[in-house]
Amino acid sequence: MSLLRLAYHFFRVGAMNELQYRANFFVQLLQSAVALAVGLIGLGLVFSHTSALAGWSQPELLAVMGVHILMGGVIQAIIQPNMMRLMQDVQQGTLDFALTKPEDAQVLISVREIRIWQLVNVLIGAAVLGVAIVQIGDRVGLGEGLIFGVALLLGGLMIYSFWLMLTSVSFWVVRVNEMVNLFEGVYAAGRWPVGIYPGWLQGLLTFIVPVAFAITVPAEALTGRLSGLTLGLAAAVALGLLLLARLVWQVGLRQYSGASA
């Protein structure tokens, strides 16, 4: 409950701050609409030459696109802003303000920045998913929906853990921005199922940068392709990454001197 109260408090503060600049909403809406149009055009071009891509039909790939947009909105609205602020605080020695609070420091630095206009992508992704589900038809039932929700949550936890470990590197290395830019490039590959890529790239997108677990696996759940073994593996990887991210965070904190040193 403490986490929910903190998240709500920072969401309310962030909303009040961003509502002062409502033009940003229309800018974000335009950017999201252009990105969606480009994605749909690319999907249309692919299926103008074939009826399936690596066994995925057009409605199924539309579901992959919807998950990609939705998860991207979560990353840009919640995960990335908090991790970028953490990186800045470590570099400037201002992390003390979070460390001296009575709440757990990791929880605090994970929810204190929320960019509400980026949630536009979450809504657009959900809308694209809705269209895909209608096109897929009776194959999507309550069971598939529940498994999809679990897989999506596990994927989000993996992405959060990866980002926390990535930005915790700033406790040792000054210039981490390049690695953040690298993630954005790799994440773009997630708009297609990982099965279409070469084996070495599938391994990278699955176990190094968990894009496959965050996007392809939820889409597989929604389309009835996901096996229990894969879902169990996703749960094990999510738990392992959460524990590893916690360890990296705690070890990094021991290297932090702060402004009070």
Foldseek 3Di string as FASTA:
>chain_A
DVLVVLLVVLVVVQVVVCVVPCVVLVVLVVVLVVVVVVLVVVLVVVCVVPQAAPNHGSLLLLLLLLLLLQLVLCCVFFQVVLLVVVLVCLLVQNLVVLVPDPDDSVSNSRRNGGNVSSCVSNVVSVVSNVVSLVVLPPLFDPQLVVLLVLLQVLLSLLQNLLSLLQSLCSLPDNDSVVVVVVLVVLSVVSSGALVNDDPVNSCCCVQVVNSNSNRVQSSCSRNVNHDPVVSVVSVVSSVVSNVVSVVSNVVSVVSGDGPVD
